[in-house]
Amino acid sequence: MDLTPSLLRALTDGTFEAWVVAQGQPPFRRKQVERWVARAATDFEQMSDLPASLRAALKRDFALRSSRVIRHLRDADGTEKLLLEWPDGARIEGVLLREGHRRTICLSTQVGCAMGCVFCASGLDGLERNLTSEEILEQALRLVECL
């Protein structure tokens, strides 16, 4: 079964359960891992209710995040901007806005933008492609980690 490297969150239940069983683990371990993924775990070592051998296999075969933070800017007003790079080299920007007790996140849904606004890094190179649902979710998770 060739799943390497794969974003764990993007797998179907059946595919992932087959992988779990192939590691010599009981099928219920799939749900344990999924609970950690739903809680936005950033490292397999956080999954303390899993055997060390399963955590090692997960680390070997999967990724919890596929993006890399290229730049993290914090403005004096509390605004935070993340420039993220995907494995294909595409870059996007997500923003966390703070106003009083409110928090708002601005998510990119595309790599690039046809608008070309001068204040936003997302539009510098024009529109390249739409983001996948996994990429949009990961962008939100990265911004929530800033809270």
N, C-alpha and C. Protein backbone atom coordinates (compact mmCIF):
# COMPACT_ATOMS: atom_id res chain seq x y z
N MET A 1 0.85 -1.17 0.00
CA MET A 1 0.00 0.00 0.00
C MET A 1 0.90 1.23 0.00
N ASP A 2 0.85 2.02 -1.08
CA ASP A 2 1.73 3.19 -1.19
C ASP A 2 0.97 4.46 -0.84
N LEU A 3 1.14 4.92 0.39
CA LEU A 3 0.47 6.14 0.84
C LEU A 3 1.47 7.23 1.21
N THR A 4 2.73 7.02 0.95
CA THR A 4 3.76 7.92 1.42
C THR A 4 4.14 8.94 0.35
N PRO A 5 4.31 10.19 0.66
CA PRO A 5 3.79 10.86 1.85
C PRO A 5 2.36 11.30 1.59
N SER A 6 1.57 11.35 2.58
CA SER A 6 0.17 11.69 2.41
C SER A 6 -0.30 12.56 3.56
N LEU A 7 -1.18 13.48 3.26
CA LEU A 7 -1.79 14.30 4.29
C LEU A 7 -2.86 13.46 4.96
N LEU A 8 -2.67 13.17 6.22
CA LEU A 8 -3.56 12.27 6.96
C LEU A 8 -5.01 12.71 6.87
N ARG A 9 -5.26 13.99 7.00
CA ARG A 9 -6.62 14.51 7.00
C ARG A 9 -7.35 14.24 5.68
N ALA A 10 -6.63 14.04 4.59
CA ALA A 10 -7.25 13.88 3.28
C ALA A 10 -7.64 12.44 2.95
N LEU A 11 -7.29 11.48 3.80
CA LEU A 11 -7.60 10.08 3.53
C LEU A 11 -9.05 9.74 3.85
N THR A 12 -9.59 8.77 3.13
CA THR A 12 -10.93 8.28 3.46
C THR A 12 -10.83 7.34 4.65
N ASP A 13 -11.94 7.16 5.36
CA ASP A 13 -11.96 6.27 6.52
C ASP A 13 -11.50 4.87 6.16
N GLY A 14 -12.00 4.33 5.05
CA GLY A 14 -11.65 2.96 4.66
C GLY A 14 -10.18 2.80 4.35
N THR A 15 -9.61 3.76 3.63
CA THR A 15 -8.19 3.70 3.29
C THR A 15 -7.33 3.78 4.54
N PHE A 16 -7.69 4.69 5.44
CA PHE A 16 -6.89 4.85 6.64
C PHE A 16 -7.04 3.65 7.57
N GLU A 17 -8.25 3.12 7.69
CA GLU A 17 -8.43 1.94 8.55
C GLU A 17 -7.64 0.75 8.01
N ALA A 18 -7.59 0.59 6.69
CA ALA A 18 -6.79 -0.49 6.10
C ALA A 18 -5.32 -0.30 6.46
N TRP A 19 -4.84 0.94 6.45
CA TRP A 19 -3.45 1.21 6.82
C TRP A 19 -3.22 0.85 8.28
N VAL A 20 -4.15 1.26 9.17
CA VAL A 20 -4.03 0.96 10.61
C VAL A 20 -3.92 -0.54 10.83
N VAL A 21 -4.79 -1.31 10.19
CA VAL A 21 -4.79 -2.77 10.34
C VAL A 21 -3.49 -3.36 9.78
N ALA A 22 -2.99 -2.80 8.67
CA ALA A 22 -1.73 -3.27 8.08
C ALA A 22 -0.55 -3.04 9.02
N GLN A 23 -0.70 -2.10 9.97
CA GLN A 23 0.36 -1.85 10.96
C GLN A 23 0.24 -2.79 12.15
N GLY A 24 -0.72 -3.73 12.09
CA GLY A 24 -0.91 -4.68 13.19
C GLY A 24 -1.72 -4.11 14.34
N GLN A 25 -2.46 -3.04 14.08
CA GLN A 25 -3.25 -2.39 15.11
C GLN A 25 -4.73 -2.73 14.93
N PRO A 26 -5.49 -2.72 16.02
CA PRO A 26 -6.93 -2.96 15.90
C PRO A 26 -7.62 -1.77 15.20
N PRO A 27 -8.72 -2.03 14.50
CA PRO A 27 -9.40 -0.97 13.74
C PRO A 27 -9.82 0.24 14.57
N PHE A 28 -10.09 0.07 15.88
CA PHE A 28 -10.54 1.21 16.69
C PHE A 28 -9.48 2.31 16.79
N ARG A 29 -8.23 1.99 16.50
CA ARG A 29 -7.17 3.00 16.55
C ARG A 29 -7.42 4.12 15.54
N ARG A 30 -8.11 3.79 14.43
CA ARG A 30 -8.43 4.82 13.43
C ARG A 30 -9.20 5.97 14.07
N LYS A 31 -10.21 5.63 14.86
CA LYS A 31 -11.02 6.68 15.49
C LYS A 31 -10.22 7.48 16.51
N GLN A 32 -9.31 6.81 17.21
CA GLN A 32 -8.46 7.54 18.16
C GLN A 32 -7.62 8.59 17.42
N VAL A 33 -7.02 8.17 16.31
CA VAL A 33 -6.21 9.11 15.53
C VAL A 33 -7.08 10.24 15.00
N GLU A 34 -8.26 9.90 14.49
CA GLU A 34 -9.15 10.92 13.94
C GLU A 34 -9.57 11.94 14.98
N ARG A 35 -9.73 11.51 16.23
CA ARG A 35 -10.07 12.47 17.29
C ARG A 35 -8.93 13.47 17.48
N TRP A 36 -7.69 12.98 17.43
CA TRP A 36 -6.54 13.88 17.57
C TRP A 36 -6.47 14.85 16.38
N VAL A 37 -6.72 14.35 15.19
CA VAL A 37 -6.70 15.22 14.00
C VAL A 37 -7.80 16.28 14.12
N ALA A 38 -8.98 15.89 14.60
CA ALA A 38 -10.09 16.84 14.78
C ALA A 38 -9.76 17.89 15.84
N ARG A 39 -8.92 17.53 16.81
CA ARG A 39 -8.49 18.48 17.85
C ARG A 39 -7.30 19.32 17.39
N ALA A 40 -6.96 19.20 16.12
CA ALA A 40 -5.88 19.98 15.50
C ALA A 40 -4.50 19.67 16.07
N ALA A 41 -4.24 18.39 16.34
CA ALA A 41 -2.91 17.99 16.79
C ALA A 41 -1.87 18.45 15.76
N THR A 42 -0.74 18.92 16.25
CA THR A 42 0.31 19.40 15.36
C THR A 42 1.50 18.45 15.28
N ASP A 43 1.49 17.42 16.13
CA ASP A 43 2.60 16.46 16.19
C ASP A 43 2.04 15.11 16.61
N PHE A 44 2.51 14.06 15.99
CA PHE A 44 2.03 12.72 16.33
C PHE A 44 2.37 12.34 17.77
N GLU A 45 3.41 12.93 18.33
CA GLU A 45 3.77 12.61 19.72
C GLU A 45 2.74 13.12 20.71
N GLN A 46 1.90 14.05 20.32
CA GLN A 46 0.81 14.51 21.18
C GLN A 46 -0.24 13.42 21.38
N MET A 47 -0.28 12.45 20.51
CA MET A 47 -1.31 11.41 20.53
C MET A 47 -0.96 10.36 21.58
N SER A 48 -1.05 10.78 22.83
CA SER A 48 -0.54 10.00 23.96
C SER A 48 -1.29 8.71 24.25
N ASP A 49 -2.49 8.53 23.70
CA ASP A 49 -3.22 7.29 23.93
C ASP A 49 -2.92 6.23 22.86
N LEU A 50 -1.99 6.53 21.96
CA LEU A 50 -1.59 5.57 20.93
C LEU A 50 -0.26 4.93 21.30
N PRO A 51 -0.08 3.67 20.91
CA PRO A 51 1.22 3.02 21.17
C PRO A 51 2.34 3.75 20.43
N ALA A 52 3.52 3.74 21.00
CA ALA A 52 4.68 4.42 20.40
C ALA A 52 4.95 3.90 18.99
N SER A 53 4.75 2.60 18.77
CA SER A 53 5.00 2.03 17.44
C SER A 53 4.04 2.62 16.39
N LEU A 54 2.79 2.85 16.78
CA LEU A 54 1.83 3.44 15.85
C LEU A 54 2.16 4.91 15.60
N ARG A 55 2.56 5.64 16.63
CA ARG A 55 2.95 7.04 16.44
C ARG A 55 4.15 7.13 15.48
N ALA A 56 5.10 6.22 15.63
CA ALA A 56 6.27 6.22 14.75
C ALA A 56 5.86 5.91 13.30
N ALA A 57 4.95 4.96 13.12
CA ALA A 57 4.49 4.62 11.77
C ALA A 57 3.71 5.78 11.15
N LEU A 58 2.90 6.45 11.95
CA LEU A 58 2.17 7.63 11.46
C LEU A 58 3.14 8.71 11.00
N LYS A 59 4.16 8.95 11.81
CA LYS A 59 5.16 9.98 11.48
C LYS A 59 5.91 9.62 10.19
N ARG A 60 6.17 8.33 10.01
CA ARG A 60 6.89 7.85 8.82
C ARG A 60 6.04 8.02 7.55
N ASP A 61 4.74 7.74 7.65
CA ASP A 61 3.91 7.64 6.45
C ASP A 61 3.01 8.83 6.16
N PHE A 62 2.82 9.70 7.15
CA PHE A 62 1.84 10.77 6.98
C PHE A 62 2.35 12.11 7.48
N ALA A 63 1.62 13.13 7.10
CA ALA A 63 1.87 14.48 7.59
C ALA A 63 0.58 15.03 8.17
N LEU A 64 0.69 15.82 9.22
CA LEU A 64 -0.47 16.50 9.80
C LEU A 64 -0.69 17.86 9.15
N ARG A 65 0.34 18.41 8.60
CA ARG A 65 0.26 19.69 7.90
C ARG A 65 1.05 19.53 6.60
N SER A 66 0.56 20.14 5.54
CA SER A 66 1.30 20.07 4.28
C SER A 66 1.94 21.42 3.93
N SER A 67 1.53 22.47 4.62
CA SER A 67 2.09 23.79 4.33
C SER A 67 3.28 24.08 5.23
N ARG A 68 4.03 25.09 4.81
CA ARG A 68 5.16 25.57 5.59
C ARG A 68 4.96 27.07 5.80
N VAL A 69 5.18 27.54 7.02
CA VAL A 69 5.06 28.98 7.29
C VAL A 69 6.33 29.65 6.80
N ILE A 70 6.18 30.50 5.80
CA ILE A 70 7.30 31.23 5.21
C ILE A 70 7.55 32.52 5.99
N ARG A 71 6.46 33.19 6.36
CA ARG A 71 6.58 34.45 7.09
C ARG A 71 5.38 34.59 8.03
N HIS A 72 5.65 35.06 9.24
CA HIS A 72 4.60 35.32 10.24
C HIS A 72 4.81 36.75 10.72
N LEU A 73 3.91 37.63 10.32
CA LEU A 73 4.01 39.05 10.69
C LEU A 73 2.97 39.39 11.75
N ARG A 74 3.38 40.19 12.74
CA ARG A 74 2.46 40.69 13.77
C ARG A 74 2.51 42.21 13.74
N ASP A 75 1.36 42.82 13.51
CA ASP A 75 1.27 44.28 13.51
C ASP A 75 0.97 44.78 14.91
N ALA A 76 1.20 46.06 15.14
CA ALA A 76 0.97 46.68 16.45
C ALA A 76 -0.48 46.58 16.89
N ASP A 77 -1.42 46.52 15.94
CA ASP A 77 -2.84 46.44 16.29
C ASP A 77 -3.30 45.01 16.58
N GLY A 78 -2.36 44.05 16.56
CA GLY A 78 -2.70 42.66 16.86
C GLY A 78 -2.98 41.80 15.64
N THR A 79 -3.03 42.42 14.47
CA THR A 79 -3.24 41.66 13.24
C THR A 79 -2.04 40.74 13.00
N GLU A 80 -2.32 39.51 12.60
CA GLU A 80 -1.25 38.57 12.26
C GLU A 80 -1.47 38.05 10.85
N LYS A 81 -0.40 38.02 10.08
CA LYS A 81 -0.46 37.52 8.71
C LYS A 81 0.49 36.34 8.58
N LEU A 82 0.00 35.28 7.98
CA LEU A 82 0.82 34.11 7.71
C LEU A 82 0.96 33.95 6.21
N LEU A 83 2.18 33.85 5.74
CA LEU A 83 2.45 33.49 4.36
C LEU A 83 2.79 32.01 4.37
N LEU A 84 1.95 31.21 3.73
CA LEU A 84 2.12 29.76 3.72
C LEU A 84 2.55 29.29 2.33
N GLU A 85 3.39 28.26 2.32
CA GLU A 85 3.81 27.67 1.05
C GLU A 85 3.39 26.21 1.04
N TRP A 86 2.78 25.79 -0.08
CA TRP A 86 2.33 24.40 -0.25
C TRP A 86 3.43 23.60 -0.94
N PRO A 87 3.36 22.29 -0.91
CA PRO A 87 4.41 21.46 -1.51
C PRO A 87 4.68 21.76 -2.99
N ASP A 88 3.67 22.26 -3.72
CA ASP A 88 3.88 22.58 -5.14
C ASP A 88 4.53 23.95 -5.35
N GLY A 89 4.90 24.62 -4.24
CA GLY A 89 5.54 25.92 -4.32
C GLY A 89 4.56 27.09 -4.31
N ALA A 90 3.28 26.81 -4.39
CA ALA A 90 2.27 27.87 -4.36
C ALA A 90 2.25 28.52 -2.98
N ARG A 91 2.06 29.83 -2.96
CA ARG A 91 2.02 30.57 -1.69
C ARG A 91 0.70 31.32 -1.55
N ILE A 92 0.21 31.37 -0.31
CA ILE A 92 -1.01 32.11 -0.01
C ILE A 92 -0.83 32.84 1.31
N GLU A 93 -1.70 33.80 1.54
CA GLU A 93 -1.65 34.55 2.78
C GLU A 93 -2.99 34.43 3.50
N GLY A 94 -2.92 34.18 4.80
CA GLY A 94 -4.10 34.18 5.66
C GLY A 94 -3.88 35.22 6.75
N VAL A 95 -4.97 35.80 7.23
CA VAL A 95 -4.86 36.90 8.19
C VAL A 95 -5.79 36.68 9.38
N LEU A 96 -5.26 36.95 10.57
CA LEU A 96 -6.03 36.95 11.81
C LEU A 96 -6.19 38.40 12.25
N LEU A 97 -7.43 38.86 12.35
CA LEU A 97 -7.73 40.24 12.76
C LEU A 97 -8.28 40.23 14.17
N ARG A 98 -7.79 41.13 14.99
CA ARG A 98 -8.26 41.26 16.37
C ARG A 98 -8.89 42.63 16.54
N GLU A 99 -10.10 42.65 17.07
CA GLU A 99 -10.77 43.92 17.36
C GLU A 99 -11.58 43.74 18.63
N GLY A 100 -11.10 44.34 19.71
CA GLY A 100 -11.77 44.16 21.00
C GLY A 100 -11.76 42.68 21.39
N HIS A 101 -12.95 42.16 21.66
CA HIS A 101 -13.06 40.75 22.02
C HIS A 101 -13.29 39.85 20.81
N ARG A 102 -13.40 40.46 19.63
CA ARG A 102 -13.68 39.69 18.41
C ARG A 102 -12.39 39.24 17.74
N ARG A 103 -12.50 38.09 17.08
CA ARG A 103 -11.41 37.57 16.27
C ARG A 103 -12.00 37.17 14.92
N THR A 104 -11.36 37.59 13.85
CA THR A 104 -11.82 37.26 12.51
C THR A 104 -10.63 36.72 11.73
N ILE A 105 -10.86 35.65 10.96
CA ILE A 105 -9.79 35.17 10.10
C ILE A 105 -10.21 35.38 8.64
N CYS A 106 -9.27 35.82 7.85
CA CYS A 106 -9.46 35.98 6.41
C CYS A 106 -8.69 34.85 5.75
N LEU A 107 -9.40 34.02 5.02
CA LEU A 107 -8.80 32.86 4.39
C LEU A 107 -8.72 33.03 2.89
N SER A 108 -7.62 32.61 2.32
CA SER A 108 -7.52 32.56 0.87
C SER A 108 -8.23 31.29 0.40
N THR A 109 -8.93 31.40 -0.72
CA THR A 109 -9.55 30.22 -1.32
C THR A 109 -8.89 29.90 -2.65
N GLN A 110 -7.96 30.75 -3.04
CA GLN A 110 -7.23 30.55 -4.28
C GLN A 110 -5.76 30.89 -4.08
N VAL A 111 -4.93 30.31 -4.92
CA VAL A 111 -3.53 30.71 -4.97
C VAL A 111 -3.50 31.88 -5.93
N GLY A 112 -3.13 33.02 -5.40
CA GLY A 112 -3.17 34.23 -6.19
C GLY A 112 -4.56 34.82 -6.20
N CYS A 113 -4.69 35.88 -6.93
CA CYS A 113 -5.97 36.58 -6.98
C CYS A 113 -5.97 37.46 -8.22
N ALA A 114 -7.09 37.53 -8.87
CA ALA A 114 -7.20 38.36 -10.07
C ALA A 114 -7.30 39.85 -9.74
N MET A 115 -7.60 40.19 -8.48
CA MET A 115 -7.81 41.59 -8.10
C MET A 115 -6.51 42.40 -8.05
N GLY A 116 -5.43 41.81 -7.55
CA GLY A 116 -4.15 42.51 -7.51
C GLY A 116 -4.07 43.64 -6.50
N CYS A 117 -4.74 43.51 -5.36
CA CYS A 117 -4.68 44.55 -4.31
C CYS A 117 -3.23 44.70 -3.83
N VAL A 118 -2.77 45.92 -3.68
CA VAL A 118 -1.38 46.17 -3.32
C VAL A 118 -1.04 45.78 -1.89
N PHE A 119 -2.03 45.69 -1.00
CA PHE A 119 -1.77 45.37 0.41
C PHE A 119 -1.73 43.87 0.68
N CYS A 120 -2.01 43.05 -0.31
CA CYS A 120 -2.16 41.61 -0.07
C CYS A 120 -1.17 40.82 -0.92
N ALA A 121 -0.38 39.96 -0.26
CA ALA A 121 0.60 39.14 -0.98
C ALA A 121 -0.05 38.12 -1.89
N SER A 122 -1.31 37.77 -1.63
CA SER A 122 -1.98 36.73 -2.43
C SER A 122 -2.15 37.13 -3.89
N GLY A 123 -2.25 38.41 -4.18
CA GLY A 123 -2.52 38.84 -5.55
C GLY A 123 -1.31 39.26 -6.36
N LEU A 124 -0.13 39.11 -5.82
CA LEU A 124 1.07 39.61 -6.50
C LEU A 124 1.33 38.95 -7.85
N ASP A 125 1.03 37.66 -7.99
CA ASP A 125 1.33 36.94 -9.23
C ASP A 125 0.10 36.58 -10.04
N GLY A 126 -1.05 37.19 -9.73
CA GLY A 126 -2.26 36.85 -10.45
C GLY A 126 -2.87 35.55 -9.94
N LEU A 127 -3.93 35.12 -10.57
CA LEU A 127 -4.63 33.91 -10.16
C LEU A 127 -3.95 32.67 -10.73
N GLU A 128 -3.60 31.69 -9.86
CA GLU A 128 -2.94 30.47 -10.31
C GLU A 128 -3.86 29.25 -10.26
N ARG A 129 -4.54 29.04 -9.11
CA ARG A 129 -5.41 27.87 -8.96
C ARG A 129 -6.29 28.04 -7.73
N ASN A 130 -7.32 27.22 -7.64
CA ASN A 130 -8.15 27.18 -6.44
C ASN A 130 -7.47 26.31 -5.40
N LEU A 131 -7.66 26.64 -4.13
CA LEU A 131 -7.16 25.79 -3.05
C LEU A 131 -8.11 24.61 -2.86
N THR A 132 -7.57 23.49 -2.39
CA THR A 132 -8.41 22.35 -2.05
C THR A 132 -9.06 22.61 -0.70
N SER A 133 -10.08 21.85 -0.38
CA SER A 133 -10.74 22.01 0.92
C SER A 133 -9.75 21.73 2.05
N GLU A 134 -8.85 20.77 1.86
CA GLU A 134 -7.84 20.47 2.88
C GLU A 134 -6.90 21.65 3.09
N GLU A 135 -6.53 22.33 2.01
CA GLU A 135 -5.64 23.49 2.13
C GLU A 135 -6.33 24.65 2.84
N ILE A 136 -7.61 24.87 2.55
CA ILE A 136 -8.36 25.94 3.22
C ILE A 136 -8.48 25.64 4.70
N LEU A 137 -8.80 24.39 5.04
CA LEU A 137 -8.90 23.99 6.44
C LEU A 137 -7.56 24.16 7.15
N GLU A 138 -6.50 23.73 6.52
CA GLU A 138 -5.18 23.86 7.14
C GLU A 138 -4.80 25.32 7.38
N GLN A 139 -5.15 26.18 6.45
CA GLN A 139 -4.91 27.61 6.62
C GLN A 139 -5.63 28.12 7.87
N ALA A 140 -6.89 27.71 8.04
CA ALA A 140 -7.66 28.12 9.23
C ALA A 140 -7.00 27.58 10.49
N LEU A 141 -6.57 26.32 10.48
CA LEU A 141 -5.91 25.73 11.65
C LEU A 141 -4.63 26.49 11.99
N ARG A 142 -3.86 26.85 10.98
CA ARG A 142 -2.62 27.60 11.23
C ARG A 142 -2.93 28.94 11.90
N LEU A 143 -3.99 29.61 11.46
CA LEU A 143 -4.35 30.90 12.05
C LEU A 143 -4.89 30.74 13.46
N VAL A 144 -5.66 29.69 13.71
CA VAL A 144 -6.18 29.43 15.06
C VAL A 144 -5.02 29.18 16.02
N GLU A 145 -3.94 28.57 15.54
CA GLU A 145 -2.76 28.34 16.38
C GLU A 145 -2.15 29.66 16.86
N CYS A 146 -2.45 30.76 16.18
CA CYS A 146 -1.93 32.08 16.58
C CYS A 146 -2.68 32.64 17.78
N LEU A 147 -3.85 32.12 18.08
CA LEU A 147 -4.66 32.66 19.20
C LEU A 147 -4.05 32.33 20.54
